[in-house]
Amino acid sequence: MFSRLLASAAVVASAVLVPFAQPAVAAAPSVQITRIYYDSPGTDTRSNTVINREYVTIKNTNRVNINIGGWVLVDRSNHRYVFRAGQIIGAGRSLTIRTGKGTNTSTTLYQGRGWYVWNNDKDTAYLRKSNGALADYCSYNSARTSYKNC
């Protein structure tokens, strides 16, 4: 009987000394949506200049370049922008995707649209990898401001 009590006490003592396992924390995505400017300043005139004030910024948080060719930026209404094959986002760099038309550079891309994409009150931007996996998303639900930092 004494040996059973001693064995039970040892089991209880060892359980107390072993720390509880911490739940796994989801790793931050390597490419993140950092800002959505969904309500361009001024009157919605549908001019290219005003449409280009509507944009999404994404950032590569890695120390290496990432090929985002074939990735898709999409909203709740399924307005899709597919990144061209071989599109690179540099290590630690940001890339702005404007809604209207313009000449692509290493830091700014243009969707080539003639109308607005992002709703002025609420919407969600999804960034999906070429295999369809969700890389990141950002939602907003406010007509009080013009942009959302994600």
N, C-alpha and C. Protein backbone atom coordinates (compact mmCIF):
# COMPACT_ATOMS: atom_id res chain seq x y z
N MET A 1 0.83 -1.19 0.00
CA MET A 1 0.00 0.00 0.00
C MET A 1 0.87 1.24 0.00
N PHE A 2 1.91 1.25 0.86
CA PHE A 2 2.80 2.40 0.94
C PHE A 2 3.50 2.63 -0.39
N SER A 3 3.89 1.54 -1.07
CA SER A 3 4.59 1.69 -2.35
C SER A 3 3.64 2.26 -3.41
N ARG A 4 2.34 1.92 -3.36
CA ARG A 4 1.39 2.51 -4.31
C ARG A 4 1.21 3.99 -4.05
N LEU A 5 1.15 4.39 -2.79
CA LEU A 5 1.02 5.81 -2.47
C LEU A 5 2.26 6.57 -2.91
N LEU A 6 3.44 5.98 -2.69
CA LEU A 6 4.68 6.62 -3.09
C LEU A 6 4.74 6.75 -4.62
N ALA A 7 4.30 5.72 -5.34
CA ALA A 7 4.30 5.77 -6.80
C ALA A 7 3.30 6.82 -7.29
N SER A 8 2.13 6.90 -6.67
CA SER A 8 1.13 7.90 -7.05
C SER A 8 1.64 9.30 -6.79
N ALA A 9 2.32 9.50 -5.67
CA ALA A 9 2.89 10.81 -5.36
C ALA A 9 3.96 11.19 -6.37
N ALA A 10 4.74 10.23 -6.82
CA ALA A 10 5.78 10.51 -7.82
C ALA A 10 5.15 10.93 -9.14
N VAL A 11 4.05 10.27 -9.53
CA VAL A 11 3.37 10.63 -10.78
C VAL A 11 2.81 12.04 -10.69
N VAL A 12 2.16 12.37 -9.56
CA VAL A 12 1.60 13.71 -9.37
C VAL A 12 2.71 14.75 -9.36
N ALA A 13 3.81 14.47 -8.69
CA ALA A 13 4.92 15.42 -8.63
C ALA A 13 5.53 15.64 -10.00
N SER A 14 5.67 14.59 -10.78
CA SER A 14 6.25 14.76 -12.11
C SER A 14 5.31 15.54 -13.02
N ALA A 15 4.00 15.38 -12.84
CA ALA A 15 3.04 16.13 -13.64
C ALA A 15 3.10 17.61 -13.30
N VAL A 16 3.34 17.93 -12.05
CA VAL A 16 3.43 19.33 -11.64
C VAL A 16 4.69 19.97 -12.19
N LEU A 17 5.78 19.22 -12.28
CA LEU A 17 7.05 19.76 -12.74
C LEU A 17 7.13 19.94 -14.25
N VAL A 18 6.31 19.20 -14.99
CA VAL A 18 6.34 19.30 -16.44
C VAL A 18 5.47 20.49 -16.85
N PRO A 19 6.04 21.46 -17.54
CA PRO A 19 5.23 22.62 -17.93
C PRO A 19 4.21 22.24 -18.99
N PHE A 20 3.10 22.94 -18.96
CA PHE A 20 2.07 22.70 -19.95
C PHE A 20 2.57 23.16 -21.31
N ALA A 21 2.22 22.42 -22.34
CA ALA A 21 2.64 22.79 -23.69
C ALA A 21 1.86 24.03 -24.12
N GLN A 22 2.56 25.01 -24.67
CA GLN A 22 1.92 26.22 -25.16
C GLN A 22 1.26 25.93 -26.51
N PRO A 23 0.10 26.54 -26.76
CA PRO A 23 -0.53 26.32 -28.06
C PRO A 23 0.34 26.90 -29.16
N ALA A 24 0.29 26.28 -30.30
CA ALA A 24 1.09 26.76 -31.43
C ALA A 24 0.56 28.11 -31.88
N VAL A 25 1.47 29.03 -32.13
CA VAL A 25 1.10 30.36 -32.61
C VAL A 25 1.27 30.35 -34.13
N ALA A 26 0.26 30.82 -34.82
CA ALA A 26 0.34 30.85 -36.28
C ALA A 26 1.43 31.83 -36.70
N ALA A 27 2.26 31.40 -37.61
CA ALA A 27 3.33 32.26 -38.10
C ALA A 27 2.72 33.36 -38.95
N ALA A 28 3.31 34.54 -38.85
CA ALA A 28 2.85 35.65 -39.68
C ALA A 28 3.13 35.32 -41.14
N PRO A 29 2.22 35.70 -42.02
CA PRO A 29 2.46 35.42 -43.44
C PRO A 29 3.70 36.15 -43.93
N SER A 30 4.38 35.55 -44.90
CA SER A 30 5.60 36.16 -45.42
C SER A 30 5.30 37.31 -46.37
N VAL A 31 4.13 37.31 -47.00
CA VAL A 31 3.67 38.45 -47.79
C VAL A 31 2.35 38.89 -47.17
N GLN A 32 2.32 40.13 -46.71
CA GLN A 32 1.17 40.62 -45.98
C GLN A 32 0.52 41.81 -46.69
N ILE A 33 -0.80 41.88 -46.62
CA ILE A 33 -1.51 43.08 -47.03
C ILE A 33 -1.31 44.09 -45.90
N THR A 34 -0.75 45.24 -46.21
CA THR A 34 -0.47 46.21 -45.16
C THR A 34 -1.40 47.42 -45.19
N ARG A 35 -2.03 47.71 -46.35
CA ARG A 35 -2.95 48.85 -46.41
C ARG A 35 -3.90 48.68 -47.59
N ILE A 36 -5.15 49.09 -47.34
CA ILE A 36 -6.14 49.21 -48.40
C ILE A 36 -6.62 50.66 -48.37
N TYR A 37 -6.43 51.38 -49.45
CA TYR A 37 -6.98 52.74 -49.59
C TYR A 37 -8.22 52.58 -50.46
N TYR A 38 -9.37 52.44 -49.81
CA TYR A 38 -10.60 52.04 -50.49
C TYR A 38 -11.50 53.18 -50.92
N ASP A 39 -11.34 54.35 -50.37
CA ASP A 39 -12.19 55.49 -50.74
C ASP A 39 -11.27 56.63 -51.16
N SER A 40 -10.98 56.68 -52.45
CA SER A 40 -10.04 57.69 -52.94
C SER A 40 -10.56 59.09 -52.64
N PRO A 41 -9.64 60.01 -52.33
CA PRO A 41 -10.05 61.36 -51.95
C PRO A 41 -10.79 62.07 -53.09
N GLY A 42 -11.70 62.94 -52.72
CA GLY A 42 -12.42 63.73 -53.70
C GLY A 42 -13.66 63.02 -54.21
N THR A 43 -14.23 63.60 -55.24
CA THR A 43 -15.44 63.08 -55.86
C THR A 43 -15.09 61.90 -56.76
N ASP A 44 -15.94 60.88 -56.73
CA ASP A 44 -15.74 59.72 -57.60
C ASP A 44 -16.09 60.09 -59.04
N THR A 45 -15.11 60.63 -59.75
CA THR A 45 -15.35 61.10 -61.13
C THR A 45 -15.09 60.01 -62.16
N ARG A 46 -14.54 58.91 -61.73
CA ARG A 46 -14.21 57.79 -62.60
C ARG A 46 -13.03 58.12 -63.52
N SER A 47 -12.34 59.21 -63.25
CA SER A 47 -11.14 59.50 -64.03
C SER A 47 -10.02 58.57 -63.59
N ASN A 48 -9.10 58.30 -64.47
CA ASN A 48 -7.99 57.39 -64.16
C ASN A 48 -7.20 57.88 -62.95
N THR A 49 -7.01 59.20 -62.86
CA THR A 49 -6.26 59.77 -61.73
C THR A 49 -6.93 59.44 -60.41
N VAL A 50 -8.25 59.59 -60.35
CA VAL A 50 -8.98 59.32 -59.11
C VAL A 50 -9.02 57.81 -58.84
N ILE A 51 -9.25 57.02 -59.87
CA ILE A 51 -9.29 55.56 -59.69
C ILE A 51 -7.96 55.04 -59.16
N ASN A 52 -6.84 55.64 -59.60
CA ASN A 52 -5.53 55.20 -59.15
C ASN A 52 -5.21 55.59 -57.71
N ARG A 53 -6.05 56.43 -57.12
CA ARG A 53 -5.87 56.74 -55.69
C ARG A 53 -6.44 55.64 -54.81
N GLU A 54 -7.10 54.68 -55.43
CA GLU A 54 -7.59 53.49 -54.76
C GLU A 54 -6.52 52.41 -54.96
N TYR A 55 -6.02 51.83 -53.86
CA TYR A 55 -4.93 50.86 -54.00
C TYR A 55 -4.84 49.93 -52.80
N VAL A 56 -4.07 48.88 -53.00
CA VAL A 56 -3.72 47.93 -51.94
C VAL A 56 -2.20 47.84 -51.92
N THR A 57 -1.63 47.83 -50.72
CA THR A 57 -0.18 47.65 -50.58
C THR A 57 0.09 46.32 -49.90
N ILE A 58 1.03 45.57 -50.47
CA ILE A 58 1.46 44.31 -49.86
C ILE A 58 2.95 44.42 -49.56
N LYS A 59 3.40 43.66 -48.57
CA LYS A 59 4.81 43.72 -48.17
C LYS A 59 5.38 42.32 -48.00
N ASN A 60 6.60 42.14 -48.49
CA ASN A 60 7.36 40.91 -48.28
C ASN A 60 8.13 41.09 -46.98
N THR A 61 7.81 40.32 -45.97
CA THR A 61 8.47 40.45 -44.67
C THR A 61 9.69 39.55 -44.53
N ASN A 62 10.01 38.81 -45.59
CA ASN A 62 11.16 37.91 -45.58
C ASN A 62 12.46 38.63 -45.92
N ARG A 63 13.55 37.92 -45.72
CA ARG A 63 14.87 38.43 -46.08
C ARG A 63 15.31 37.97 -47.47
N VAL A 64 14.38 37.34 -48.19
CA VAL A 64 14.65 36.87 -49.55
C VAL A 64 13.53 37.34 -50.45
N ASN A 65 13.83 37.46 -51.74
CA ASN A 65 12.81 37.81 -52.72
C ASN A 65 11.79 36.69 -52.81
N ILE A 66 10.53 37.05 -53.14
CA ILE A 66 9.48 36.05 -53.30
C ILE A 66 8.85 36.24 -54.67
N ASN A 67 8.71 35.14 -55.39
CA ASN A 67 8.05 35.15 -56.69
C ASN A 67 6.55 35.02 -56.43
N ILE A 68 5.79 36.06 -56.75
CA ILE A 68 4.34 36.04 -56.55
C ILE A 68 3.61 35.88 -57.89
N GLY A 69 4.32 35.44 -58.91
CA GLY A 69 3.69 35.20 -60.20
C GLY A 69 2.56 34.19 -60.07
N GLY A 70 1.39 34.52 -60.60
CA GLY A 70 0.23 33.65 -60.51
C GLY A 70 -0.60 33.85 -59.25
N TRP A 71 -0.09 34.63 -58.30
CA TRP A 71 -0.88 34.93 -57.11
C TRP A 71 -2.04 35.84 -57.53
N VAL A 72 -3.07 35.90 -56.69
CA VAL A 72 -4.27 36.67 -57.03
C VAL A 72 -4.65 37.58 -55.86
N LEU A 73 -4.96 38.83 -56.18
CA LEU A 73 -5.55 39.78 -55.24
C LEU A 73 -7.01 39.88 -55.63
N VAL A 74 -7.91 39.60 -54.69
CA VAL A 74 -9.34 39.53 -55.02
C VAL A 74 -10.16 40.14 -53.88
N ASP A 75 -11.32 40.72 -54.23
CA ASP A 75 -12.22 41.25 -53.21
C ASP A 75 -13.43 40.34 -53.06
N ARG A 76 -14.37 40.72 -52.21
CA ARG A 76 -15.56 39.89 -51.96
C ARG A 76 -16.43 39.72 -53.21
N SER A 77 -16.38 40.68 -54.11
CA SER A 77 -17.19 40.61 -55.34
C SER A 77 -16.46 39.87 -56.46
N ASN A 78 -15.31 39.32 -56.16
CA ASN A 78 -14.51 38.54 -57.09
C ASN A 78 -13.86 39.36 -58.21
N HIS A 79 -13.55 40.63 -57.91
CA HIS A 79 -12.70 41.40 -58.81
C HIS A 79 -11.29 40.85 -58.60
N ARG A 80 -10.72 40.28 -59.65
CA ARG A 80 -9.46 39.56 -59.52
C ARG A 80 -8.33 40.28 -60.25
N TYR A 81 -7.20 40.37 -59.59
CA TYR A 81 -5.98 40.84 -60.24
C TYR A 81 -4.96 39.71 -60.10
N VAL A 82 -4.49 39.17 -61.21
CA VAL A 82 -3.53 38.08 -61.20
C VAL A 82 -2.15 38.66 -61.48
N PHE A 83 -1.20 38.39 -60.60
CA PHE A 83 0.17 38.86 -60.77
C PHE A 83 0.82 38.10 -61.92
N ARG A 84 1.48 38.83 -62.80
CA ARG A 84 2.09 38.23 -63.99
C ARG A 84 3.16 37.21 -63.60
N ALA A 85 3.40 36.27 -64.49
CA ALA A 85 4.43 35.25 -64.27
C ALA A 85 5.77 35.92 -64.02
N GLY A 86 6.48 35.44 -63.03
CA GLY A 86 7.81 35.96 -62.71
C GLY A 86 7.81 37.24 -61.89
N GLN A 87 6.62 37.70 -61.44
CA GLN A 87 6.56 38.94 -60.63
C GLN A 87 7.26 38.70 -59.29
N ILE A 88 8.26 39.49 -59.03
CA ILE A 88 9.05 39.36 -57.80
C ILE A 88 8.71 40.52 -56.87
N ILE A 89 8.61 40.22 -55.59
CA ILE A 89 8.54 41.26 -54.58
C ILE A 89 9.80 41.11 -53.74
N GLY A 90 10.60 42.16 -53.74
CA GLY A 90 11.91 42.11 -53.10
C GLY A 90 11.86 41.89 -51.60
N ALA A 91 12.95 41.39 -51.08
CA ALA A 91 13.07 41.15 -49.64
C ALA A 91 12.84 42.45 -48.87
N GLY A 92 11.88 42.41 -47.94
CA GLY A 92 11.59 43.58 -47.12
C GLY A 92 10.92 44.72 -47.86
N ARG A 93 10.51 44.50 -49.10
CA ARG A 93 9.95 45.57 -49.94
C ARG A 93 8.42 45.52 -49.97
N SER A 94 7.84 46.65 -50.35
CA SER A 94 6.40 46.76 -50.52
C SER A 94 6.08 46.95 -51.99
N LEU A 95 4.87 46.57 -52.34
CA LEU A 95 4.38 46.68 -53.71
C LEU A 95 2.96 47.24 -53.62
N THR A 96 2.70 48.31 -54.39
CA THR A 96 1.39 48.93 -54.41
C THR A 96 0.66 48.53 -55.68
N ILE A 97 -0.59 48.07 -55.53
CA ILE A 97 -1.40 47.65 -56.67
C ILE A 97 -2.54 48.65 -56.79
N ARG A 98 -2.45 49.52 -57.80
CA ARG A 98 -3.45 50.56 -58.03
C ARG A 98 -4.55 50.02 -58.95
N THR A 99 -5.75 50.55 -58.79
CA THR A 99 -6.91 50.03 -59.51
C THR A 99 -6.91 50.42 -60.99
N GLY A 100 -6.49 51.64 -61.33
CA GLY A 100 -6.60 52.15 -62.69
C GLY A 100 -5.50 51.69 -63.62
N LYS A 101 -5.22 52.55 -64.61
CA LYS A 101 -4.25 52.25 -65.65
C LYS A 101 -2.97 53.05 -65.43
N GLY A 102 -1.86 52.47 -65.85
CA GLY A 102 -0.57 53.14 -65.74
C GLY A 102 0.54 52.20 -66.19
N THR A 103 1.77 52.66 -66.02
CA THR A 103 2.93 51.86 -66.40
C THR A 103 3.49 51.18 -65.16
N ASN A 104 3.56 49.87 -65.18
CA ASN A 104 4.08 49.11 -64.04
C ASN A 104 5.54 49.46 -63.78
N THR A 105 5.90 49.50 -62.50
CA THR A 105 7.29 49.69 -62.07
C THR A 105 7.63 48.59 -61.07
N SER A 106 8.80 48.65 -60.50
CA SER A 106 9.19 47.64 -59.51
C SER A 106 8.45 47.82 -58.18
N THR A 107 7.81 48.98 -57.97
CA THR A 107 7.12 49.23 -56.71
C THR A 107 5.62 49.47 -56.87
N THR A 108 5.15 49.66 -58.10
CA THR A 108 3.73 49.94 -58.35
C THR A 108 3.24 49.16 -59.56
N LEU A 109 2.12 48.48 -59.37
CA LEU A 109 1.47 47.76 -60.47
C LEU A 109 0.08 48.35 -60.66
N TYR A 110 -0.46 48.21 -61.87
CA TYR A 110 -1.77 48.75 -62.22
C TYR A 110 -2.68 47.63 -62.70
N GLN A 111 -3.92 47.62 -62.18
CA GLN A 111 -4.88 46.60 -62.58
C GLN A 111 -5.46 46.87 -63.96
N GLY A 112 -5.43 48.12 -64.41
CA GLY A 112 -5.94 48.45 -65.74
C GLY A 112 -7.45 48.59 -65.81
N ARG A 113 -8.08 48.90 -64.71
CA ARG A 113 -9.54 48.99 -64.67
C ARG A 113 -10.01 50.42 -64.93
N GLY A 114 -11.24 50.53 -65.40
CA GLY A 114 -11.86 51.83 -65.63
C GLY A 114 -12.93 52.17 -64.60
N TRP A 115 -13.04 51.33 -63.58
CA TRP A 115 -14.02 51.55 -62.51
C TRP A 115 -13.43 51.07 -61.20
N TYR A 116 -13.99 51.55 -60.09
CA TYR A 116 -13.50 51.26 -58.75
C TYR A 116 -13.71 49.79 -58.39
N VAL A 117 -12.85 49.25 -57.55
CA VAL A 117 -12.97 47.87 -57.08
C VAL A 117 -13.44 47.83 -55.63
N TRP A 118 -12.81 48.59 -54.77
CA TRP A 118 -13.02 48.48 -53.33
C TRP A 118 -14.23 49.30 -52.90
N ASN A 119 -15.17 48.65 -52.20
CA ASN A 119 -16.36 49.34 -51.70
C ASN A 119 -15.95 50.40 -50.69
N ASN A 120 -16.69 51.50 -50.65
CA ASN A 120 -16.34 52.62 -49.76
C ASN A 120 -16.75 52.42 -48.31
N ASP A 121 -17.44 51.32 -48.00
CA ASP A 121 -17.87 51.10 -46.62
C ASP A 121 -17.34 49.81 -46.01
N LYS A 122 -17.37 48.72 -46.77
CA LYS A 122 -16.86 47.46 -46.23
C LYS A 122 -16.50 46.52 -47.37
N ASP A 123 -15.45 45.76 -47.16
CA ASP A 123 -14.98 44.80 -48.15
C ASP A 123 -13.84 44.01 -47.51
N THR A 124 -13.34 43.04 -48.23
CA THR A 124 -12.19 42.26 -47.79
C THR A 124 -11.27 42.06 -48.98
N ALA A 125 -9.99 42.26 -48.75
CA ALA A 125 -8.97 41.96 -49.75
C ALA A 125 -8.35 40.62 -49.37
N TYR A 126 -8.32 39.71 -50.34
CA TYR A 126 -7.71 38.40 -50.14
C TYR A 126 -6.49 38.31 -51.05
N LEU A 127 -5.40 37.80 -50.53
CA LEU A 127 -4.21 37.54 -51.33
C LEU A 127 -4.02 36.03 -51.33
N ARG A 128 -4.17 35.44 -52.53
CA ARG A 128 -4.07 33.99 -52.66
C ARG A 128 -2.86 33.60 -53.48
N LYS A 129 -2.20 32.53 -53.04
CA LYS A 129 -1.06 32.00 -53.77
C LYS A 129 -1.53 31.35 -55.06
N SER A 130 -0.61 31.04 -55.95
CA SER A 130 -0.97 30.45 -57.24
C SER A 130 -1.69 29.11 -57.09
N ASN A 131 -1.49 28.42 -55.98
CA ASN A 131 -2.18 27.15 -55.75
C ASN A 131 -3.54 27.34 -55.06
N GLY A 132 -3.94 28.59 -54.85
CA GLY A 132 -5.23 28.90 -54.24
C GLY A 132 -5.18 29.07 -52.74
N ALA A 133 -4.07 28.72 -52.10
CA ALA A 133 -3.95 28.86 -50.65
C ALA A 133 -3.98 30.34 -50.26
N LEU A 134 -4.65 30.63 -49.17
CA LEU A 134 -4.74 32.00 -48.68
C LEU A 134 -3.40 32.43 -48.09
N ALA A 135 -2.82 33.49 -48.63
CA ALA A 135 -1.57 34.03 -48.10
C ALA A 135 -1.86 35.05 -47.01
N ASP A 136 -2.88 35.89 -47.21
CA ASP A 136 -3.24 36.91 -46.22
C ASP A 136 -4.58 37.51 -46.63
N TYR A 137 -5.21 38.21 -45.70
CA TYR A 137 -6.43 38.95 -46.00
C TYR A 137 -6.54 40.12 -45.05
N CYS A 138 -7.35 41.10 -45.44
CA CYS A 138 -7.60 42.27 -44.60
C CYS A 138 -9.02 42.74 -44.88
N SER A 139 -9.80 42.95 -43.82
CA SER A 139 -11.18 43.41 -43.94
C SER A 139 -11.33 44.79 -43.32
N TYR A 140 -12.30 45.52 -43.83
CA TYR A 140 -12.65 46.80 -43.22
C TYR A 140 -14.16 46.92 -43.22
N ASN A 141 -14.66 47.74 -42.30
CA ASN A 141 -16.10 47.94 -42.15
C ASN A 141 -16.33 49.32 -41.58
N SER A 142 -16.03 50.34 -42.38
CA SER A 142 -16.19 51.70 -41.91
C SER A 142 -16.22 52.67 -43.08
N ALA A 143 -17.19 53.57 -43.08
CA ALA A 143 -17.22 54.63 -44.07
C ALA A 143 -16.66 55.92 -43.47
N ARG A 144 -16.19 55.85 -42.22
CA ARG A 144 -15.66 57.03 -41.53
C ARG A 144 -14.26 57.39 -41.98
N THR A 145 -13.52 56.40 -42.45
CA THR A 145 -12.16 56.65 -42.91
C THR A 145 -12.05 56.22 -44.37
N SER A 146 -10.93 56.53 -44.99
CA SER A 146 -10.73 56.21 -46.40
C SER A 146 -9.82 55.03 -46.62
N TYR A 147 -9.13 54.59 -45.56
CA TYR A 147 -8.17 53.51 -45.72
C TYR A 147 -8.13 52.66 -44.46
N LYS A 148 -7.51 51.50 -44.60
CA LYS A 148 -7.34 50.60 -43.47
C LYS A 148 -5.90 50.11 -43.47
N ASN A 149 -5.19 50.33 -42.36
CA ASN A 149 -3.88 49.72 -42.16
C ASN A 149 -4.10 48.33 -41.60
N CYS A 150 -3.54 47.36 -42.23
CA CYS A 150 -3.79 45.97 -41.85
C CYS A 150 -2.67 45.43 -40.98
